[in-house]
Amino acid sequence: MKKEPELIVAYTDPLEGFKGWLVIDSLTHRMAAGGMRVQKGLTCEVVRDLAATMTLKMRIAGIRADGAKCGIDYDPASPNKQEAMLRFIRAIRPYLLERYSMGPDLNTTMPELDAVCACIGISSIKAVIATCQEFTPAEFEERVRLLKQPVGHATLGKLRSGAGVAASCLAALEFLKIPAAQAKVVIQGFGSLASSAAYFLHQAGVRIIGLADCEKSLISQNSAPLDIADLLDRVCADCTCQAKGLIPAEAASGVYGRREAVYQLPCDVFVPAAIERAIDRQAAETMQVRAIVSGANLAVTAEAESILHRRGIILIPDMVAGCGGSLSMQGLFGPENMPSVQDVLSHVDRKTRAIVKNMLQRSREEDISPREAALRICAETQPHPDTKPYGELN
């Protein structure tokens, strides 16, 4: 699966001099999909790796599209972020109209990306889907509006990726024969992805006993579950927490500590859902966990992955745990008839669990790592270049 990306667009900002890149990993299908990130220190190499991972997500999810990714090397806390994004997205506008379906990624949200696109005459960051799926403008708009429908504390658009991470956790627990109500889970992160995963796991009855953000951790006492509903309510009421992905400074339960404390917390499943390289060699050698579900892209280093496999710790790799966003698009745009919010979420849950189960069974039967099993499944997937990305294959 190792190869050079087929298209790289490099951007240098004329006003501030920052760099940006759009990488389309493959041009095999009508469409390529992947998110945009704003990250200080971002490099072309990282964007290339992320685009390649997106291709793998498409393959293992059975979606007839290729992977892409874009981003700018820029401080997301800058007051000029929106203008910087506007200039970059304007530069890649032709690709948004012809091939590239953009989504939110690190330090971006769908509403702010759509707002930027509106400024340059594009109705949606996913406008190319209408062409590829052969929707009329009205049909496309009706389905896009579903992403703004409320679900719990947020919207379908904000929660869809976290639904896949949660489903991966539940599938891993089922494989380990641990009932959801008895499971202990720790989540690193409390941004959009992590908090939405926490929401769905809480709904499933899982005990979340530890959280961490970039500043601190919050750990329960005596393995009692944290009050996730209270934390989500507090985040919704605090714009700073929302923007920075922070755990609220006051919680109904739990004890605050160093952010690194979550690595020493014994649990059934640990979910890195914030940054790259969150689990390195040292963490892999010492963590007391049964499984790791890599919600964030590139969250586990290759060296750490080998150590985890040697220790018998199950790893659901990012290319599988991160399928929720792509599968939600399949559930939204694939059916002939207009789906409901619950239809989309049920599709994400059902498909994710089936993918994880298939991967773990193959890993056990062939005595290979879960990632190797997933890569073999991807390699066996046949391309279908001139077909709609989503829905049944005609």
Protein backbone atom coordinates (compact mmCIF):
# COMPACT_ATOMS: atom_id res chain seq x y z
CA MET A 1 0.00 0.00 0.00
CA LYS A 2 3.04 2.30 0.18
CA LYS A 3 3.16 4.71 -2.77
CA GLU A 4 3.60 8.34 -3.67
CA PRO A 5 0.47 10.54 -3.60
CA GLU A 6 -0.87 11.30 -7.05
CA LEU A 7 -1.50 15.01 -6.49
CA ILE A 8 0.11 17.56 -4.17
CA VAL A 9 -0.86 21.22 -4.28
CA ALA A 10 1.56 23.44 -2.34
CA TYR A 11 0.49 26.89 -1.18
CA THR A 12 2.50 29.85 0.13
CA ASP A 13 0.40 32.64 1.62
CA PRO A 14 1.08 36.01 -0.04
CA LEU A 15 0.33 38.04 3.10
CA GLU A 16 1.80 36.06 6.02
CA GLY A 17 4.06 33.58 4.26
CA PHE A 18 2.66 30.44 5.92
CA LYS A 19 2.57 27.16 3.99
CA GLY A 20 -0.39 24.97 3.15
CA TRP A 21 -0.99 21.76 1.23
CA LEU A 22 -3.74 19.78 -0.43
CA VAL A 23 -2.79 16.14 -0.97
CA ILE A 24 -4.99 13.80 -3.00
CA ASP A 25 -3.57 10.37 -2.39
CA SER A 26 -5.15 8.69 -5.42
CA LEU A 27 -7.11 9.73 -8.51
CA THR A 28 -8.67 6.31 -9.09
CA HIS A 29 -12.27 7.28 -8.32
CA ARG A 30 -14.53 10.21 -9.11
CA MET A 31 -14.05 11.71 -5.68
CA ALA A 32 -11.46 12.03 -2.91
CA ALA A 33 -12.42 12.92 0.66
CA GLY A 34 -10.68 14.06 3.83
CA GLY A 35 -10.53 16.89 6.34
CA MET A 36 -8.78 20.23 6.65
CA ARG A 37 -6.65 21.02 9.68
CA VAL A 38 -5.05 24.18 11.05
CA GLN A 39 -1.95 23.19 12.99
CA LYS A 40 1.17 25.06 13.99
CA GLY A 41 4.19 23.15 12.68
CA LEU A 42 2.19 21.15 10.13
CA THR A 43 4.33 19.67 7.34
CA CYS A 44 3.65 18.30 3.88
CA GLU A 45 4.82 14.88 5.08
CA VAL A 46 2.13 14.77 7.77
CA VAL A 47 -0.56 15.79 5.27
CA ARG A 48 0.66 13.06 2.90
CA ASP A 49 0.45 10.43 5.65
CA LEU A 50 -3.03 11.60 6.63
CA ALA A 51 -4.23 11.45 3.01
CA ALA A 52 -2.86 7.90 2.67
CA THR A 53 -4.67 6.90 5.86
CA MET A 54 -7.87 8.36 4.42
CA THR A 55 -7.52 6.12 1.36
CA LEU A 56 -7.26 3.12 3.66
CA LYS A 57 -10.37 4.26 5.54
CA MET A 58 -12.28 4.41 2.25
CA ARG A 59 -11.11 0.97 1.22
CA ILE A 60 -11.91 -0.79 4.47
CA ALA A 61 -15.28 0.98 4.69
CA GLY A 62 -16.19 -0.14 1.17
CA ILE A 63 -16.56 3.42 -0.09
CA ARG A 64 -15.71 4.01 -3.73
CA ALA A 65 -13.62 7.13 -3.16
CA ASP A 66 -9.98 7.97 -2.53
CA GLY A 67 -8.26 9.70 0.37
CA ALA A 68 -7.27 13.33 0.60
CA LYS A 69 -6.24 15.82 3.24
CA CYS A 70 -5.37 19.49 3.40
CA GLY A 71 -4.12 21.95 5.98
CA ILE A 72 -2.10 25.01 6.80
CA ASP A 73 0.89 25.51 9.06
CA TYR A 74 -0.77 28.14 11.20
CA ASP A 75 -1.51 28.92 14.84
CA PRO A 76 -5.18 27.99 15.41
CA ALA A 77 -5.34 30.52 18.27
CA SER A 78 -4.51 33.43 15.95
CA PRO A 79 -7.27 36.03 15.53
CA ASN A 80 -6.50 35.91 11.80
CA LYS A 81 -7.28 32.19 11.46
CA GLN A 82 -10.50 32.65 9.48
CA GLU A 83 -8.88 34.97 6.95
CA ALA A 84 -5.92 32.61 6.58
CA MET A 85 -8.27 29.71 5.92
CA LEU A 86 -10.19 31.79 3.38
CA ARG A 87 -7.09 32.57 1.34
CA PHE A 88 -5.96 28.95 1.34
CA ILE A 89 -9.37 27.50 0.47
CA ARG A 90 -9.78 30.05 -2.31
CA ALA A 91 -6.53 28.73 -3.79
CA ILE A 92 -7.81 25.14 -3.86
CA ARG A 93 -11.36 26.10 -4.94
CA PRO A 94 -11.22 24.24 -8.31
CA TYR A 95 -10.60 20.94 -6.53
CA LEU A 96 -13.57 21.47 -4.20
CA LEU A 97 -15.78 21.87 -7.25
CA GLU A 98 -14.40 18.95 -9.26
CA ARG A 99 -13.03 16.22 -6.97
CA TYR A 100 -12.34 17.05 -3.32
CA SER A 101 -14.95 16.56 -0.57
CA MET A 102 -13.60 18.46 2.45
CA GLY A 103 -14.46 17.81 6.07
CA PRO A 104 -13.38 19.25 9.43
CA ASP A 105 -10.20 18.00 11.06
CA LEU A 106 -7.90 19.26 13.81
CA ASN A 107 -8.81 22.84 14.89
CA THR A 108 -11.55 23.28 12.29
CA THR A 109 -15.33 22.84 12.35
CA MET A 110 -17.85 22.24 9.61
CA PRO A 111 -19.73 25.54 10.20
CA GLU A 112 -16.56 27.65 9.92
CA LEU A 113 -15.41 25.78 6.81
CA ASP A 114 -18.84 26.17 5.20
CA ALA A 115 -18.77 29.88 6.09
CA VAL A 116 -15.44 30.24 4.28
CA CYS A 117 -16.77 28.35 1.26
CA ALA A 118 -19.83 30.60 1.12
CA CYS A 119 -17.49 33.58 0.79
CA ILE A 120 -16.03 32.09 -2.39
CA GLY A 121 -19.33 31.02 -3.92
CA ILE A 122 -19.49 27.35 -2.88
CA SER A 123 -22.64 26.18 -1.11
CA SER A 124 -20.94 23.44 0.94
CA ILE A 125 -17.51 21.99 1.59
CA LYS A 126 -19.04 18.76 0.31
CA ALA A 127 -20.50 20.27 -2.87
CA VAL A 128 -18.69 17.80 -5.12
CA ILE A 129 -20.79 14.96 -3.65
CA ALA A 130 -23.84 16.35 -5.46
CA THR A 131 -22.07 15.89 -8.79
CA CYS A 132 -20.56 12.49 -7.99
CA GLN A 133 -23.82 11.08 -6.58
CA GLU A 134 -25.89 12.72 -9.33
CA PHE A 135 -28.16 14.60 -6.92
CA THR A 136 -30.18 17.62 -7.90
CA PRO A 137 -29.26 20.76 -5.90
CA ALA A 138 -32.48 20.38 -3.90
CA GLU A 139 -31.81 16.71 -3.09
CA PHE A 140 -28.28 17.50 -1.99
CA GLU A 141 -29.33 20.43 0.20
CA GLU A 142 -32.02 18.35 1.90
CA ARG A 143 -29.47 15.74 2.94
CA VAL A 144 -26.83 18.26 3.99
CA ARG A 145 -29.36 19.90 6.30
CA LEU A 146 -29.58 16.65 8.24
CA LEU A 147 -26.03 17.29 9.50
CA LYS A 148 -27.38 20.29 11.42
CA GLN A 149 -30.06 18.28 13.23
CA PRO A 150 -29.54 18.10 17.04
CA VAL A 151 -28.31 14.91 18.69
CA GLY A 152 -27.86 15.07 22.44
CA HIS A 153 -25.62 18.04 23.24
CA ALA A 154 -24.57 18.75 19.64
CA THR A 155 -25.52 18.02 16.01
CA LEU A 156 -25.16 15.02 13.75
CA GLY A 157 -22.36 16.81 11.90
CA LYS A 158 -20.34 17.28 15.08
CA LEU A 159 -20.99 13.83 16.55
CA ARG A 160 -20.68 11.55 13.52
CA SER A 161 -16.92 10.86 13.74
CA GLY A 162 -17.09 10.18 17.48
CA ALA A 163 -19.89 7.68 16.84
CA GLY A 164 -17.40 5.56 14.91
CA VAL A 165 -14.81 5.74 17.68
CA ALA A 166 -17.41 4.69 20.24
CA ALA A 167 -18.58 1.82 18.04
CA SER A 168 -14.95 0.66 17.69
CA CYS A 169 -14.63 0.64 21.49
CA LEU A 170 -17.82 -1.35 21.90
CA ALA A 171 -16.72 -3.86 19.24
CA ALA A 172 -13.35 -4.30 20.98
CA LEU A 173 -15.11 -4.87 24.30
CA GLU A 174 -17.38 -7.44 22.68
CA PHE A 175 -14.33 -9.21 21.22
CA LEU A 176 -12.76 -9.25 24.70
CA LYS A 177 -16.07 -10.48 26.14
CA ILE A 178 -16.33 -7.51 28.52
CA PRO A 179 -19.93 -6.28 29.03
CA ALA A 180 -20.27 -2.56 28.28
CA ALA A 181 -21.71 -1.83 31.74
CA GLN A 182 -18.62 -3.37 33.39
CA ALA A 183 -16.04 -1.75 31.13
CA LYS A 184 -13.67 1.03 32.19
CA VAL A 185 -12.58 3.46 29.49
CA VAL A 186 -10.10 6.35 29.49
CA ILE A 187 -10.18 9.02 26.79
CA GLN A 188 -7.31 11.34 25.94
CA GLY A 189 -8.81 14.53 24.57
CA PHE A 190 -12.06 16.42 25.01
CA GLY A 191 -12.41 18.18 21.68
CA SER A 192 -15.17 17.42 19.21
CA LEU A 193 -14.01 13.85 18.45
CA ALA A 194 -13.24 12.83 22.03
CA SER A 195 -16.31 14.42 23.60
CA SER A 196 -18.65 12.88 21.02
CA ALA A 197 -17.07 9.45 21.59
CA ALA A 198 -17.60 10.01 25.32
CA TYR A 199 -21.24 10.88 24.65
CA PHE A 200 -21.98 7.66 22.76
CA LEU A 201 -20.04 5.47 25.18
CA HIS A 202 -21.92 7.04 28.09
CA GLN A 203 -25.20 6.34 26.25
CA ALA A 204 -24.12 2.70 25.94
CA GLY A 205 -23.56 2.44 29.70
CA VAL A 206 -19.76 2.36 29.61
CA ARG A 207 -17.92 3.76 32.66
CA ILE A 208 -15.53 6.51 31.61
CA ILE A 209 -13.06 6.83 34.47
CA GLY A 210 -10.50 9.24 33.06
CA LEU A 211 -10.18 12.16 30.66
CA ALA A 212 -7.31 14.40 29.65
CA ASP A 213 -6.87 17.56 27.59
CA CYS A 214 -3.77 19.57 26.69
CA GLU A 215 -3.63 21.09 30.19
CA LYS A 216 -4.90 18.56 32.75
CA SER A 217 -6.57 15.27 33.51
CA LEU A 218 -9.78 14.42 35.31
CA ILE A 219 -9.83 11.01 36.99
CA SER A 220 -12.66 9.38 38.87
CA GLN A 221 -12.37 8.08 42.40
CA ASN A 222 -12.65 4.36 43.17
CA SER A 223 -13.38 3.59 39.48
CA ALA A 224 -16.76 5.32 39.72
CA PRO A 225 -17.81 6.78 36.35
CA LEU A 226 -17.27 10.45 35.64
CA ASP A 227 -20.45 12.46 35.14
CA ILE A 228 -20.17 12.78 31.36
CA ALA A 229 -23.60 14.40 30.96
CA ASP A 230 -22.61 17.15 33.40
CA LEU A 231 -19.27 17.72 31.66
CA LEU A 232 -20.91 18.00 28.24
CA ASP A 233 -23.46 20.48 29.59
CA ARG A 234 -20.65 22.58 31.03
CA VAL A 235 -18.69 22.49 27.78
CA CYS A 236 -21.74 23.63 25.81
CA ALA A 237 -22.06 26.59 28.16
CA ASP A 238 -18.37 27.55 27.93
CA CYS A 239 -17.16 28.88 24.57
CA THR A 240 -13.51 28.65 25.61
CA CYS A 241 -13.80 24.96 26.45
CA GLN A 242 -15.52 24.31 23.14
CA ALA A 243 -12.94 26.19 21.09
CA LYS A 244 -9.89 24.69 22.78
CA GLY A 245 -11.18 21.18 23.47
CA LEU A 246 -10.79 21.56 27.23
CA ILE A 247 -12.35 19.68 30.10
CA PRO A 248 -14.40 22.14 32.20
CA ALA A 249 -12.48 23.53 35.17
CA GLU A 250 -15.24 22.45 37.53
CA ALA A 251 -16.75 18.97 37.48
CA ALA A 252 -19.44 17.22 39.51
CA SER A 253 -17.09 14.29 40.12
CA GLY A 254 -13.46 13.30 39.75
CA VAL A 255 -10.06 14.70 40.73
CA TYR A 256 -7.93 16.97 38.56
CA GLY A 257 -4.26 16.24 37.97
CA ARG A 258 -1.44 16.28 35.43
CA ARG A 259 -2.50 15.48 31.88
CA GLU A 260 -0.03 12.58 31.76
CA ALA A 261 -1.77 10.86 34.69
CA VAL A 262 -4.20 9.05 32.37
CA TYR A 263 -1.36 6.89 31.04
CA GLN A 264 -0.95 5.26 34.47
CA LEU A 265 -4.65 4.55 34.89
CA PRO A 266 -5.54 0.83 34.50
CA CYS A 267 -8.53 0.39 32.21
CA ASP A 268 -10.08 -1.89 29.61
CA VAL A 269 -9.89 0.53 26.68
CA PHE A 270 -7.73 3.62 26.23
CA VAL A 271 -8.78 6.05 23.49
CA PRO A 272 -6.22 8.58 22.17
CA ALA A 273 -8.56 11.04 20.43
CA ALA A 274 -6.60 14.27 20.22
CA ILE A 275 -3.09 14.41 18.79
CA GLU A 276 -0.55 12.46 16.74
CA ARG A 277 2.05 10.26 18.42
CA ALA A 278 0.14 10.28 21.71
CA ILE A 279 1.31 6.74 22.43
CA ASP A 280 5.04 6.21 22.00
CA ARG A 281 7.42 3.42 22.98
CA GLN A 282 7.50 4.37 26.66
CA ALA A 283 3.72 4.52 26.97
CA ALA A 284 3.28 1.26 25.06
CA GLU A 285 5.62 -0.54 27.45
CA THR A 286 3.92 0.63 30.64
CA MET A 287 0.19 1.15 30.00
CA GLN A 288 -2.11 -1.29 31.80
CA VAL A 289 -4.89 -1.69 29.25
CA ARG A 290 -6.69 -4.47 27.36
CA ALA A 291 -7.20 -2.49 24.14
CA ILE A 292 -6.37 0.84 22.52
CA VAL A 293 -8.75 2.48 20.05
CA SER A 294 -6.86 5.05 18.01
CA GLY A 295 -9.46 7.74 17.41
CA ALA A 296 -6.95 10.41 16.37
CA ASN A 297 -4.99 10.01 13.16
CA LEU A 298 -1.40 8.75 13.62
CA ALA A 299 -1.96 8.59 17.40
CA VAL A 300 0.19 5.48 17.91
CA THR A 301 3.77 5.32 16.62
CA ALA A 302 4.91 2.30 14.59
CA GLU A 303 7.33 1.29 17.35
CA ALA A 304 4.60 1.52 19.98
CA GLU A 305 2.28 -0.55 17.81
CA SER A 306 4.82 -3.39 17.65
CA ILE A 307 5.24 -3.32 21.43
CA LEU A 308 1.49 -3.38 22.01
CA HIS A 309 1.11 -6.39 19.71
CA ARG A 310 3.92 -8.21 21.51
CA ARG A 311 2.22 -7.50 24.87
CA GLY A 312 -1.08 -8.88 23.60
CA ILE A 313 -2.85 -5.52 23.75
CA ILE A 314 -5.43 -5.12 21.00
CA LEU A 315 -4.99 -2.01 18.87
CA ILE A 316 -7.81 -0.73 16.68
CA PRO A 317 -5.79 1.41 14.26
CA ASP A 318 -6.75 4.92 13.17
CA MET A 319 -7.69 3.72 9.68
CA VAL A 320 -10.52 1.70 11.29
CA ALA A 321 -11.47 3.68 14.41
CA GLY A 322 -11.50 6.86 12.32
CA CYS A 323 -14.01 5.57 9.77
CA GLY A 324 -17.01 7.17 11.47
CA GLY A 325 -16.97 10.37 9.44
CA SER A 326 -16.69 8.51 6.14
CA LEU A 327 -19.31 5.93 7.11
CA SER A 328 -21.71 8.70 8.12
CA MET A 329 -21.42 10.15 4.60
CA GLN A 330 -22.18 6.70 3.24
CA GLY A 331 -25.22 6.48 5.51
CA LEU A 332 -26.34 9.99 4.57
CA PHE A 333 -25.77 10.07 0.82
CA GLY A 334 -25.91 6.35 -0.09
CA PRO A 335 -29.59 5.42 0.42
CA GLU A 336 -32.05 6.06 -2.40
CA ASN A 337 -34.56 7.53 0.05
CA MET A 338 -33.88 10.32 2.51
CA PRO A 339 -32.50 8.80 5.74
CA SER A 340 -33.18 9.97 9.29
CA VAL A 341 -30.54 11.03 11.83
CA GLN A 342 -30.93 7.69 13.57
CA ASP A 343 -30.57 5.87 10.25
CA VAL A 344 -27.18 7.53 9.73
CA LEU A 345 -25.96 6.81 13.26
CA SER A 346 -27.19 3.21 13.09
CA HIS A 347 -25.29 2.76 9.83
CA VAL A 348 -22.08 4.05 11.43
CA ASP A 349 -22.50 1.76 14.43
CA ARG A 350 -23.41 -1.36 12.44
CA LYS A 351 -20.72 -0.97 9.77
CA THR A 352 -17.97 -0.04 12.25
CA ARG A 353 -18.68 -3.04 14.47
CA ALA A 354 -18.65 -5.37 11.45
CA ILE A 355 -15.32 -3.94 10.21
CA VAL A 356 -13.69 -4.26 13.65
CA LYS A 357 -15.00 -7.79 14.15
CA ASN A 358 -13.74 -8.89 10.72
CA MET A 359 -10.33 -7.33 11.31
CA LEU A 360 -9.86 -8.82 14.79
CA GLN A 361 -10.98 -12.28 13.71
CA ARG A 362 -8.56 -12.22 10.80
CA SER A 363 -5.80 -10.94 13.07
CA ARG A 364 -6.33 -13.89 15.41
CA GLU A 365 -6.74 -16.52 12.71
CA GLU A 366 -3.64 -15.45 10.73
CA ASP A 367 -1.55 -14.51 13.79
CA ILE A 368 -0.90 -10.98 12.53
CA SER A 369 -1.47 -7.54 14.02
CA PRO A 370 -4.87 -5.88 13.56
CA ARG A 371 -3.28 -3.27 11.28
CA GLU A 372 -1.78 -5.98 9.08
CA ALA A 373 -5.19 -7.64 8.93
CA ALA A 374 -6.82 -4.33 7.99
CA LEU A 375 -4.20 -3.69 5.29
CA ARG A 376 -4.82 -7.11 3.77
CA ILE A 377 -8.54 -6.41 3.68
CA CYS A 378 -7.85 -3.06 1.99
CA ALA A 379 -5.53 -4.65 -0.57
CA GLU A 380 -8.26 -7.14 -1.52
CA THR A 381 -10.80 -4.37 -2.19
CA GLN A 382 -11.39 -3.87 -5.90
CA PRO A 383 -11.54 -0.30 -7.28
CA HIS A 384 -14.62 0.88 -9.18
CA PRO A 385 -13.44 4.06 -10.93
CA ASP A 386 -16.57 5.36 -12.63
CA THR A 387 -19.28 4.73 -10.06
CA LYS A 388 -21.03 6.75 -7.40
CA PRO A 389 -18.95 6.88 -4.17
CA TYR A 390 -21.84 5.91 -1.90
CA GLY A 391 -24.65 3.35 -2.06
CA GLU A 392 -25.13 -0.06 -3.61
CA LEU A 393 -22.92 -0.98 -6.56
CA ASN A 394 -25.00 -1.25 -9.73
